[in-house]
Amino acid sequence: MKPYIELKGASGAVYRYKLADNGDPATTIAGNYVYLDSKGTVVFAGEANNLVDAKNRWSEAYARHGATWLYTRLNVSGASRADEYSDIVIALQPVMNKAD
């Protein structure tokens, strides 16, 4: 998989995400994250005050939706994180975010 991906939000903004080596965000910094399946489809988008939490729903995503890759984007500002999260979810409608 590519070391970086760019995701376009509903607003038209483009966000650059970095592949988490071995599925480990390896940082406690705040940010946004996405799970992708083997086809490159975003199956879940999330935001976290601590990117270590990006693995919280990984087991479900892997078992039910074939998640294969975890990508992260550092984003310390809470307001920016929330805006980006909403923008991505509206545009991509990840299957695991449908109830959000």
PDB file of N, CA and C in Angstrom:
ATOM      1  N   MET A   1       0.852  -1.180   0.000  1.00  0.00           N
ATOM      2  CA  MET A   1       0.000   0.000   0.000  1.00  0.00           C
ATOM      3  C   MET A   1       0.891   1.234   0.000  1.00  0.00           C
ATOM      4  N   LYS A   2       0.341   2.322  -0.457  1.00  0.00           N
ATOM      5  CA  LYS A   2       1.075   3.587  -0.550  1.00  0.00           C
ATOM      6  C   LYS A   2       1.400   4.137   0.845  1.00  0.00           C
ATOM      7  N   PRO A   3       2.546   4.795   0.987  1.00  0.00           N
ATOM      8  CA  PRO A   3       2.882   5.369   2.297  1.00  0.00           C
ATOM      9  C   PRO A   3       1.992   6.559   2.663  1.00  0.00           C
ATOM     10  N   TYR A   4       1.428   7.219   1.655  1.00  0.00           N
ATOM     11  CA  TYR A   4       0.513   8.353   1.880  1.00  0.00           C
ATOM     12  C   TYR A   4      -0.681   8.219   0.950  1.00  0.00           C
ATOM     13  N   ILE A   5      -1.832   8.697   1.431  1.00  0.00           N
ATOM     14  CA  ILE A   5      -3.019   8.786   0.580  1.00  0.00           C
ATOM     15  C   ILE A   5      -3.613  10.169   0.770  1.00  0.00           C
ATOM     16  N   GLU A   6      -4.357  10.619  -0.206  1.00  0.00           N
ATOM     17  CA  GLU A   6      -5.071  11.884  -0.098  1.00  0.00           C
ATOM     18  C   GLU A   6      -6.559  11.604  -0.215  1.00  0.00           C
ATOM     19  N   LEU A   7      -7.315  12.122   0.737  1.00  0.00           N
ATOM     20  CA  LEU A   7      -8.756  11.943   0.762  1.00  0.00           C
ATOM     21  C   LEU A   7      -9.428  13.294   0.575  1.00  0.00           C
ATOM     22  N   LYS A   8     -10.407  13.320  -0.291  1.00  0.00           N
ATOM     23  CA  LYS A   8     -11.125  14.565  -0.572  1.00  0.00           C
ATOM     24  C   LYS A   8     -12.412  14.611   0.236  1.00  0.00           C
ATOM     25  N   GLY A   9     -12.585  15.676   0.987  1.00  0.00           N
ATOM     26  CA  GLY A   9     -13.783  15.863   1.793  1.00  0.00           C
ATOM     27  C   GLY A   9     -14.918  16.453   0.960  1.00  0.00           C
ATOM     28  N   ALA A  10     -16.102  16.495   1.555  1.00  0.00           N
ATOM     29  CA  ALA A  10     -17.278  17.048   0.884  1.00  0.00           C
ATOM     30  C   ALA A  10     -17.079  18.517   0.528  1.00  0.00           C
ATOM     31  N   SER A  11     -16.260  19.219   1.299  1.00  0.00           N
ATOM     32  CA  SER A  11     -16.005  20.642   1.060  1.00  0.00           C
ATOM     33  C   SER A  11     -15.077  20.876  -0.132  1.00  0.00           C
ATOM     34  N   GLY A  12     -14.426  19.790  -0.584  1.00  0.00           N
ATOM     35  CA  GLY A  12     -13.422  19.908  -1.643  1.00  0.00           C
ATOM     36  C   GLY A  12     -12.006  19.950  -1.103  1.00  0.00           C
ATOM     37  N   ALA A  13     -11.876  20.097   0.218  1.00  0.00           N
ATOM     38  CA  ALA A  13     -10.554  20.088   0.839  1.00  0.00           C
ATOM     39  C   ALA A  13      -9.942  18.694   0.698  1.00  0.00           C
ATOM     40  N   VAL A  14      -8.624  18.662   0.557  1.00  0.00           N
ATOM     41  CA  VAL A  14      -7.908  17.395   0.428  1.00  0.00           C
ATOM     42  C   VAL A  14      -7.032  17.211   1.664  1.00  0.00           C
ATOM     43  N   TYR A  15      -7.113  16.029   2.244  1.00  0.00           N
ATOM     44  CA  TYR A  15      -6.390  15.712   3.465  1.00  0.00           C
ATOM     45  C   TYR A  15      -5.397  14.592   3.185  1.00  0.00           C
ATOM     46  N   ARG A  16      -4.174  14.762   3.632  1.00  0.00           N
ATOM     47  CA  ARG A  16      -3.112  13.780   3.396  1.00  0.00           C
ATOM     48  C   ARG A  16      -2.904  12.929   4.652  1.00  0.00           C
ATOM     49  N   TYR A  17      -3.044  11.624   4.489  1.00  0.00           N
ATOM     50  CA  TYR A  17      -2.900  10.668   5.581  1.00  0.00           C
ATOM     51  C   TYR A  17      -1.670   9.804   5.361  1.00  0.00           C
ATOM     52  N   LYS A  18      -1.040   9.410   6.471  1.00  0.00           N
ATOM     53  CA  LYS A  18       0.186   8.604   6.432  1.00  0.00           C
ATOM     54  C   LYS A  18      -0.116   7.190   6.916  1.00  0.00           C
ATOM     55  N   LEU A  19       0.420   6.202   6.229  1.00  0.00           N
ATOM     56  CA  LEU A  19       0.259   4.810   6.624  1.00  0.00           C
ATOM     57  C   LEU A  19       0.916   4.573   7.982  1.00  0.00           C
ATOM     58  N   ALA A  20       0.188   3.942   8.884  1.00  0.00           N
ATOM     59  CA  ALA A  20       0.737   3.579  10.198  1.00  0.00           C
ATOM     60  C   ALA A  20       1.500   2.265  10.022  1.00  0.00           C
ATOM     61  N   ASP A  21       2.802   2.301  10.202  1.00  0.00           N
ATOM     62  CA  ASP A  21       3.632   1.105  10.058  1.00  0.00           C
ATOM     63  C   ASP A  21       3.155   0.004  10.992  1.00  0.00           C
ATOM     64  N   ASN A  22       2.954  -1.177  10.441  1.00  0.00           N
ATOM     65  CA  ASN A  22       2.496  -2.339  11.207  1.00  0.00           C
ATOM     66  C   ASN A  22       1.181  -2.078  11.941  1.00  0.00           C
ATOM     67  N   GLY A  23       0.364  -1.154  11.420  1.00  0.00           N
ATOM     68  CA  GLY A  23      -0.923  -0.852  12.034  1.00  0.00           C
ATOM     69  C   GLY A  23      -0.827  -0.155  13.376  1.00  0.00           C
ATOM     70  N   ASP A  24       0.339   0.417  13.672  1.00  0.00           N
ATOM     71  CA  ASP A  24       0.560   1.081  14.955  1.00  0.00           C
ATOM     72  C   ASP A  24       0.800   2.568  14.725  1.00  0.00           C
ATOM     73  N   PRO A  25      -0.099   3.430  15.219  1.00  0.00           N
ATOM     74  CA  PRO A  25       0.081   4.869  15.025  1.00  0.00           C
ATOM     75  C   PRO A  25       1.387   5.400  15.611  1.00  0.00           C
ATOM     76  N   ALA A  26       1.938   4.720  16.607  1.00  0.00           N
ATOM     77  CA  ALA A  26       3.236   5.053  17.206  1.00  0.00           C
ATOM     78  C   ALA A  26       3.348   6.494  17.684  1.00  0.00           C
ATOM     79  N   THR A  27       2.236   7.075  18.081  1.00  0.00           N
ATOM     80  CA  THR A  27       2.270   8.428  18.621  1.00  0.00           C
ATOM     81  C   THR A  27       1.086   8.622  19.561  1.00  0.00           C
ATOM     82  N   THR A  28       1.264   9.516  20.514  1.00  0.00           N
ATOM     83  CA  THR A  28       0.181   9.850  21.436  1.00  0.00           C
ATOM     84  C   THR A  28      -0.401  11.225  21.112  1.00  0.00           C
ATOM     85  N   ILE A  29      -0.062  11.732  19.952  1.00  0.00           N
ATOM     86  CA  ILE A  29      -0.562  13.036  19.514  1.00  0.00           C
ATOM     87  C   ILE A  29      -2.000  12.885  18.999  1.00  0.00           C
ATOM     88  N   ALA A  30      -2.763  13.942  19.072  1.00  0.00           N
ATOM     89  CA  ALA A  30      -4.139  13.940  18.580  1.00  0.00           C
ATOM     90  C   ALA A  30      -4.159  13.937  17.058  1.00  0.00           C
ATOM     91  N   GLY A  31      -5.256  13.404  16.512  1.00  0.00           N
ATOM     92  CA  GLY A  31      -5.374  13.416  15.063  1.00  0.00           C
ATOM     93  C   GLY A  31      -6.591  12.671  14.561  1.00  0.00           C
ATOM     94  N   ASN A  32      -6.643  12.516  13.271  1.00  0.00           N
ATOM     95  CA  ASN A  32      -7.710  11.795  12.591  1.00  0.00           C
ATOM     96  C   ASN A  32      -7.109  10.521  12.011  1.00  0.00           C
ATOM     97  N   TYR A  33      -7.960   9.550  11.723  1.00  0.00           N
ATOM     98  CA  TYR A  33      -7.474   8.294  11.173  1.00  0.00           C
ATOM     99  C   TYR A  33      -8.557   7.633  10.331  1.00  0.00           C
ATOM    100  N   VAL A  34      -8.132   6.749   9.463  1.00  0.00           N
ATOM    101  CA  VAL A  34      -9.052   5.982   8.622  1.00  0.00           C
ATOM    102  C   VAL A  34      -8.565   4.550   8.521  1.00  0.00           C
ATOM    103  N   TYR A  35      -9.523   3.632   8.373  1.00  0.00           N
ATOM    104  CA  TYR A  35      -9.235   2.233   8.081  1.00  0.00           C
ATOM    105  C   TYR A  35      -9.630   2.005   6.623  1.00  0.00           C
ATOM    106  N   LEU A  36      -8.764   1.363   5.873  1.00  0.00           N
ATOM    107  CA  LEU A  36      -9.049   1.034   4.479  1.00  0.00           C
ATOM    108  C   LEU A  36      -9.073  -0.475   4.301  1.00  0.00           C
ATOM    109  N   ASP A  37      -9.924  -0.944   3.377  1.00  0.00           N
ATOM    110  CA  ASP A  37      -9.912  -2.366   3.050  1.00  0.00           C
ATOM    111  C   ASP A  37      -8.876  -2.617   1.958  1.00  0.00           C
ATOM    112  N   SER A  38      -8.766  -3.850   1.504  1.00  0.00           N
ATOM    113  CA  SER A  38      -7.737  -4.211   0.532  1.00  0.00           C
ATOM    114  C   SER A  38      -7.925  -3.525  -0.825  1.00  0.00           C
ATOM    115  N   LYS A  39      -9.128  -3.016  -1.094  1.00  0.00           N
ATOM    116  CA  LYS A  39      -9.394  -2.301  -2.349  1.00  0.00           C
ATOM    117  C   LYS A  39      -9.093  -0.807  -2.228  1.00  0.00           C
ATOM    118  N   GLY A  40      -8.785  -0.354  -1.011  1.00  0.00           N
ATOM    119  CA  GLY A  40      -8.508   1.058  -0.793  1.00  0.00           C
ATOM    120  C   GLY A  40      -9.730   1.869  -0.423  1.00  0.00           C
ATOM    121  N   THR A  41     -10.833   1.197  -0.110  1.00  0.00           N
ATOM    122  CA  THR A  41     -12.058   1.878   0.303  1.00  0.00           C
ATOM    123  C   THR A  41     -11.998   2.191   1.790  1.00  0.00           C
ATOM    124  N   VAL A  42     -12.343   3.409   2.158  1.00  0.00           N
ATOM    125  CA  VAL A  42     -12.379   3.792   3.571  1.00  0.00           C
ATOM    126  C   VAL A  42     -13.606   3.134   4.204  1.00  0.00           C
ATOM    127  N   VAL A  43     -13.375   2.260   5.188  1.00  0.00           N
ATOM    128  CA  VAL A  43     -14.479   1.585   5.867  1.00  0.00           C
ATOM    129  C   VAL A  43     -14.809   2.244   7.210  1.00  0.00           C
ATOM    130  N   PHE A  44     -13.878   3.065   7.737  1.00  0.00           N
ATOM    131  CA  PHE A  44     -14.128   3.786   8.984  1.00  0.00           C
ATOM    132  C   PHE A  44     -13.250   5.019   9.038  1.00  0.00           C
ATOM    133  N   ALA A  45     -13.816   6.104   9.535  1.00  0.00           N
ATOM    134  CA  ALA A  45     -13.059   7.336   9.781  1.00  0.00           C
ATOM    135  C   ALA A  45     -13.261   7.698  11.245  1.00  0.00           C
ATOM    136  N   GLY A  46     -12.198   8.167  11.884  1.00  0.00           N
ATOM    137  CA  GLY A  46     -12.304   8.529  13.286  1.00  0.00           C
ATOM    138  C   GLY A  46     -11.416   9.701  13.644  1.00  0.00           C
ATOM    139  N   GLU A  47     -11.631  10.190  14.842  1.00  0.00           N
ATOM    140  CA  GLU A  47     -10.803  11.256  15.396  1.00  0.00           C
ATOM    141  C   GLU A  47     -10.465  10.870  16.824  1.00  0.00           C
ATOM    142  N   ALA A  48      -9.296  11.295  17.294  1.00  0.00           N
ATOM    143  CA  ALA A  48      -8.869  10.900  18.637  1.00  0.00           C
ATOM    144  C   ALA A  48      -7.983  11.966  19.256  1.00  0.00           C
ATOM    145  N   ASN A  49      -8.110  12.122  20.566  1.00  0.00           N
ATOM    146  CA  ASN A  49      -7.210  13.004  21.311  1.00  0.00           C
ATOM    147  C   ASN A  49      -5.840  12.366  21.453  1.00  0.00           C
ATOM    148  N   ASN A  50      -5.780  11.054  21.251  1.00  0.00           N
ATOM    149  CA  ASN A  50      -4.554  10.284  21.361  1.00  0.00           C
ATOM    150  C   ASN A  50      -4.627   9.203  20.279  1.00  0.00           C
ATOM    151  N   LEU A  51      -3.764   9.276  19.269  1.00  0.00           N
ATOM    152  CA  LEU A  51      -3.868   8.355  18.143  1.00  0.00           C
ATOM    153  C   LEU A  51      -3.634   6.890  18.510  1.00  0.00           C
ATOM    154  N   VAL A  52      -3.149   6.617  19.706  1.00  0.00           N
ATOM    155  CA  VAL A  52      -3.078   5.232  20.158  1.00  0.00           C
ATOM    156  C   VAL A  52      -4.488   4.630  20.155  1.00  0.00           C
ATOM    157  N   ASP A  53      -5.494   5.483  20.400  1.00  0.00           N
ATOM    158  CA  ASP A  53      -6.889   5.036  20.406  1.00  0.00           C
ATOM    159  C   ASP A  53      -7.409   4.696  19.009  1.00  0.00           C
ATOM    160  N   ALA A  54      -6.629   4.961  17.987  1.00  0.00           N
ATOM    161  CA  ALA A  54      -7.057   4.672  16.614  1.00  0.00           C
ATOM    162  C   ALA A  54      -7.264   3.180  16.387  1.00  0.00           C
ATOM    163  N   LYS A  55      -6.760   2.354  17.273  1.00  0.00           N
ATOM    164  CA  LYS A  55      -6.907   0.908  17.119  1.00  0.00           C
ATOM    165  C   LYS A  55      -8.144   0.358  17.830  1.00  0.00           C
ATOM    166  N   ASN A  56      -8.920   1.216  18.484  1.00  0.00           N
ATOM    167  CA  ASN A  56     -10.049   0.756  19.292  1.00  0.00           C
ATOM    168  C   ASN A  56     -11.070  -0.084  18.525  1.00  0.00           C
ATOM    169  N   ARG A  57     -11.349   0.234  17.291  1.00  0.00           N
ATOM    170  CA  ARG A  57     -12.374  -0.500  16.525  1.00  0.00           C
ATOM    171  C   ARG A  57     -11.762  -1.357  15.420  1.00  0.00           C
ATOM    172  N   TRP A  58     -10.439  -1.527  15.478  1.00  0.00           N
ATOM    173  CA  TRP A  58      -9.744  -2.280  14.426  1.00  0.00           C
ATOM    174  C   TRP A  58     -10.245  -3.718  14.306  1.00  0.00           C
ATOM    175  N   SER A  59     -10.431  -4.420  15.416  1.00  0.00           N
ATOM    176  CA  SER A  59     -10.868  -5.820  15.368  1.00  0.00           C
ATOM    177  C   SER A  59     -12.198  -5.956  14.639  1.00  0.00           C
ATOM    178  N   GLU A  60     -13.133  -5.069  14.952  1.00  0.00           N
ATOM    179  CA  GLU A  60     -14.441  -5.075  14.281  1.00  0.00           C
ATOM    180  C   GLU A  60     -14.279  -4.771  12.794  1.00  0.00           C
ATOM    181  N   ALA A  61     -13.477  -3.774  12.484  1.00  0.00           N
ATOM    182  CA  ALA A  61     -13.281  -3.381  11.083  1.00  0.00           C
ATOM    183  C   ALA A  61     -12.633  -4.503  10.280  1.00  0.00           C
ATOM    184  N   TYR A  62     -11.684  -5.174  10.889  1.00  0.00           N
ATOM    185  CA  TYR A  62     -10.984  -6.281  10.232  1.00  0.00           C
ATOM    186  C   TYR A  62     -11.935  -7.459  10.003  1.00  0.00           C
ATOM    187  N   ALA A  63     -12.643  -7.856  11.049  1.00  0.00           N
ATOM    188  CA  ALA A  63     -13.517  -9.028  10.983  1.00  0.00           C
ATOM    189  C   ALA A  63     -14.754  -8.815  10.116  1.00  0.00           C
ATOM    190  N   ARG A  64     -15.380  -7.653  10.224  1.00  0.00           N
ATOM    191  CA  ARG A  64     -16.654  -7.433   9.530  1.00  0.00           C
ATOM    192  C   ARG A  64     -16.531  -6.742   8.177  1.00  0.00           C
ATOM    193  N   HIS A  65     -15.438  -5.981   7.981  1.00  0.00           N
ATOM    194  CA  HIS A  65     -15.357  -5.169   6.763  1.00  0.00           C
ATOM    195  C   HIS A  65     -14.036  -5.312   6.014  1.00  0.00           C
ATOM    196  N   GLY A  66     -13.209  -6.245   6.443  1.00  0.00           N
ATOM    197  CA  GLY A  66     -11.962  -6.512   5.731  1.00  0.00           C
ATOM    198  C   GLY A  66     -10.930  -5.410   5.797  1.00  0.00           C
ATOM    199  N   ALA A  67     -10.939  -4.648   6.884  1.00  0.00           N
ATOM    200  CA  ALA A  67      -9.938  -3.579   7.035  1.00  0.00           C
ATOM    201  C   ALA A  67      -8.540  -4.176   6.957  1.00  0.00           C
ATOM    202  N   THR A  68      -7.691  -3.499   6.220  1.00  0.00           N
ATOM    203  CA  THR A  68      -6.330  -3.980   5.996  1.00  0.00           C
ATOM    204  C   THR A  68      -5.287  -2.948   6.394  1.00  0.00           C
ATOM    205  N   TRP A  69      -5.618  -1.664   6.260  1.00  0.00           N
ATOM    206  CA  TRP A  69      -4.644  -0.590   6.454  1.00  0.00           C
ATOM    207  C   TRP A  69      -5.191   0.483   7.383  1.00  0.00           C
ATOM    208  N   LEU A  70      -4.307   1.029   8.205  1.00  0.00           N
ATOM    209  CA  LEU A  70      -4.626   2.147   9.093  1.00  0.00           C
ATOM    210  C   LEU A  70      -3.762   3.337   8.672  1.00  0.00           C
ATOM    211  N   TYR A  71      -4.418   4.446   8.398  1.00  0.00           N
ATOM    212  CA  TYR A  71      -3.725   5.694   8.045  1.00  0.00           C
ATOM    213  C   TYR A  71      -4.080   6.755   9.071  1.00  0.00           C
ATOM    214  N   THR A  72      -3.117   7.617   9.383  1.00  0.00           N
ATOM    215  CA  THR A  72      -3.340   8.670  10.374  1.00  0.00           C
ATOM    216  C   THR A  72      -2.951  10.036   9.817  1.00  0.00           C
ATOM    217  N   ARG A  73      -3.494  11.053  10.470  1.00  0.00           N
ATOM    218  CA  ARG A  73      -3.165  12.441  10.132  1.00  0.00           C
ATOM    219  C   ARG A  73      -3.102  13.215  11.438  1.00  0.00           C
ATOM    220  N   LEU A  74      -1.948  13.758  11.760  1.00  0.00           N
ATOM    221  CA  LEU A  74      -1.801  14.547  12.979  1.00  0.00           C
ATOM    222  C   LEU A  74      -2.608  15.828  12.853  1.00  0.00           C
ATOM    223  N   ASN A  75      -3.342  16.144  13.911  1.00  0.00           N
ATOM    224  CA  ASN A  75      -4.233  17.294  13.876  1.00  0.00           C
ATOM    225  C   ASN A  75      -4.541  17.670  15.328  1.00  0.00           C
ATOM    226  N   VAL A  76      -3.735  18.509  15.898  1.00  0.00           N
ATOM    227  CA  VAL A  76      -3.827  18.815  17.319  1.00  0.00           C
ATOM    228  C   VAL A  76      -5.070  19.622  17.694  1.00  0.00           C
ATOM    229  N   SER A  77      -5.510  20.511  16.841  1.00  0.00           N
ATOM    230  CA  SER A  77      -6.661  21.363  17.141  1.00  0.00           C
ATOM    231  C   SER A  77      -7.963  20.561  17.132  1.00  0.00           C
ATOM    232  N   GLY A  78      -8.662  20.583  18.265  1.00  0.00           N
ATOM    233  CA  GLY A  78      -9.931  19.850  18.382  1.00  0.00           C
ATOM    234  C   GLY A  78     -10.957  20.282  17.349  1.00  0.00           C
ATOM    235  N   ALA A  79     -11.062  21.579  17.110  1.00  0.00           N
ATOM    236  CA  ALA A  79     -12.038  22.078  16.136  1.00  0.00           C
ATOM    237  C   ALA A  79     -11.682  21.621  14.724  1.00  0.00           C
ATOM    238  N   SER A  80     -10.413  21.672  14.383  1.00  0.00           N
ATOM    239  CA  SER A  80      -9.973  21.222  13.054  1.00  0.00           C
ATOM    240  C   SER A  80     -10.210  19.734  12.868  1.00  0.00           C
ATOM    241  N   ARG A  81      -9.936  18.955  13.916  1.00  0.00           N
ATOM    242  CA  ARG A  81     -10.161  17.509  13.858  1.00  0.00           C
ATOM    243  C   ARG A  81     -11.617  17.196  13.591  1.00  0.00           C
ATOM    244  N   ALA A  82     -12.495  17.857  14.332  1.00  0.00           N
ATOM    245  CA  ALA A  82     -13.930  17.613  14.190  1.00  0.00           C
ATOM    246  C   ALA A  82     -14.418  18.014  12.804  1.00  0.00           C
ATOM    247  N   ASP A  83     -13.963  19.148  12.310  1.00  0.00           N
ATOM    248  CA  ASP A  83     -14.360  19.602  10.974  1.00  0.00           C
ATOM    249  C   ASP A  83     -13.883  18.627   9.901  1.00  0.00           C
ATOM    250  N   GLU A  84     -12.633  18.197  10.010  1.00  0.00           N
ATOM    251  CA  GLU A  84     -12.077  17.259   9.043  1.00  0.00           C
ATOM    252  C   GLU A  84     -12.827  15.929   9.084  1.00  0.00           C
ATOM    253  N   TYR A  85     -13.083  15.437  10.286  1.00  0.00           N
ATOM    254  CA  TYR A  85     -13.815  14.186  10.463  1.00  0.00           C
ATOM    255  C   TYR A  85     -15.172  14.267   9.752  1.00  0.00           C
ATOM    256  N   SER A  86     -15.921  15.320  10.024  1.00  0.00           N
ATOM    257  CA  SER A  86     -17.239  15.488   9.399  1.00  0.00           C
ATOM    258  C   SER A  86     -17.132  15.583   7.887  1.00  0.00           C
ATOM    259  N   ASP A  87     -16.165  16.326   7.414  1.00  0.00           N
ATOM    260  CA  ASP A  87     -15.959  16.515   5.978  1.00  0.00           C
ATOM    261  C   ASP A  87     -15.697  15.175   5.286  1.00  0.00           C
ATOM    262  N   ILE A  88     -14.841  14.353   5.883  1.00  0.00           N
ATOM    263  CA  ILE A  88     -14.496  13.038   5.325  1.00  0.00           C
ATOM    264  C   ILE A  88     -15.702  12.097   5.369  1.00  0.00           C
ATOM    265  N   VAL A  89     -16.394  12.041   6.499  1.00  0.00           N
ATOM    266  CA  VAL A  89     -17.532  11.130   6.644  1.00  0.00           C
ATOM    267  C   VAL A  89     -18.653  11.486   5.673  1.00  0.00           C
ATOM    268  N   ILE A  90     -18.936  12.762   5.522  1.00  0.00           N
ATOM    269  CA  ILE A  90     -19.981  13.176   4.585  1.00  0.00           C
ATOM    270  C   ILE A  90     -19.610  12.786   3.155  1.00  0.00           C
ATOM    271  N   ALA A  91     -18.363  12.993   2.786  1.00  0.00           N
ATOM    272  CA  ALA A  91     -17.926  12.707   1.423  1.00  0.00           C
ATOM    273  C   ALA A  91     -17.827  11.219   1.129  1.00  0.00           C
ATOM    274  N   LEU A  92     -17.237  10.455   2.041  1.00  0.00           N
ATOM    275  CA  LEU A  92     -16.916   9.060   1.756  1.00  0.00           C
ATOM    276  C   LEU A  92     -17.933   8.055   2.304  1.00  0.00           C
ATOM    277  N   GLN A  93     -18.732   8.472   3.252  1.00  0.00           N
ATOM    278  CA  GLN A  93     -19.745   7.633   3.869  1.00  0.00           C
ATOM    279  C   GLN A  93     -19.235   6.228   4.213  1.00  0.00           C
ATOM    280  N   PRO A  94     -18.183   6.150   5.043  1.00  0.00           N
ATOM    281  CA  PRO A  94     -17.650   4.835   5.426  1.00  0.00           C
ATOM    282  C   PRO A  94     -18.729   3.970   6.078  1.00  0.00           C
ATOM    283  N   VAL A  95     -18.727   2.701   5.745  1.00  0.00           N
ATOM    284  CA  VAL A  95     -19.760   1.779   6.221  1.00  0.00           C
ATOM    285  C   VAL A  95     -19.877   1.758   7.747  1.00  0.00           C
ATOM    286  N   MET A  96     -18.777   1.851   8.460  1.00  0.00           N
ATOM    287  CA  MET A  96     -18.818   1.806   9.914  1.00  0.00           C
ATOM    288  C   MET A  96     -19.235   3.140  10.551  1.00  0.00           C
ATOM    289  N   ASN A  97     -19.336   4.191   9.760  1.00  0.00           N
ATOM    290  CA  ASN A  97     -19.751   5.495  10.283  1.00  0.00           C
ATOM    291  C   ASN A  97     -21.217   5.784   9.991  1.00  0.00           C
ATOM    292  N   LYS A  98     -21.916   4.879   9.372  1.00  0.00           N
ATOM    293  CA  LYS A  98     -23.312   5.109   8.967  1.00  0.00           C
ATOM    294  C   LYS A  98     -24.200   5.462  10.148  1.00  0.00           C
ATOM    295  N   ALA A  99     -23.942   4.907  11.337  1.00  0.00           N
ATOM    296  CA  ALA A  99     -24.777   5.175  12.509  1.00  0.00           C
ATOM    297  C   ALA A  99     -24.399   6.477  13.206  1.00  0.00           C
ATOM    298  N   ASP A 100     -23.258   7.087  12.843  1.00  0.00           N
ATOM    299  CA  ASP A 100     -22.797   8.323  13.501  1.00  0.00           C
ATOM    300  C   ASP A 100     -23.646   9.515  13.119  1.00  0.00           C
TER     301      ASP A 100
END
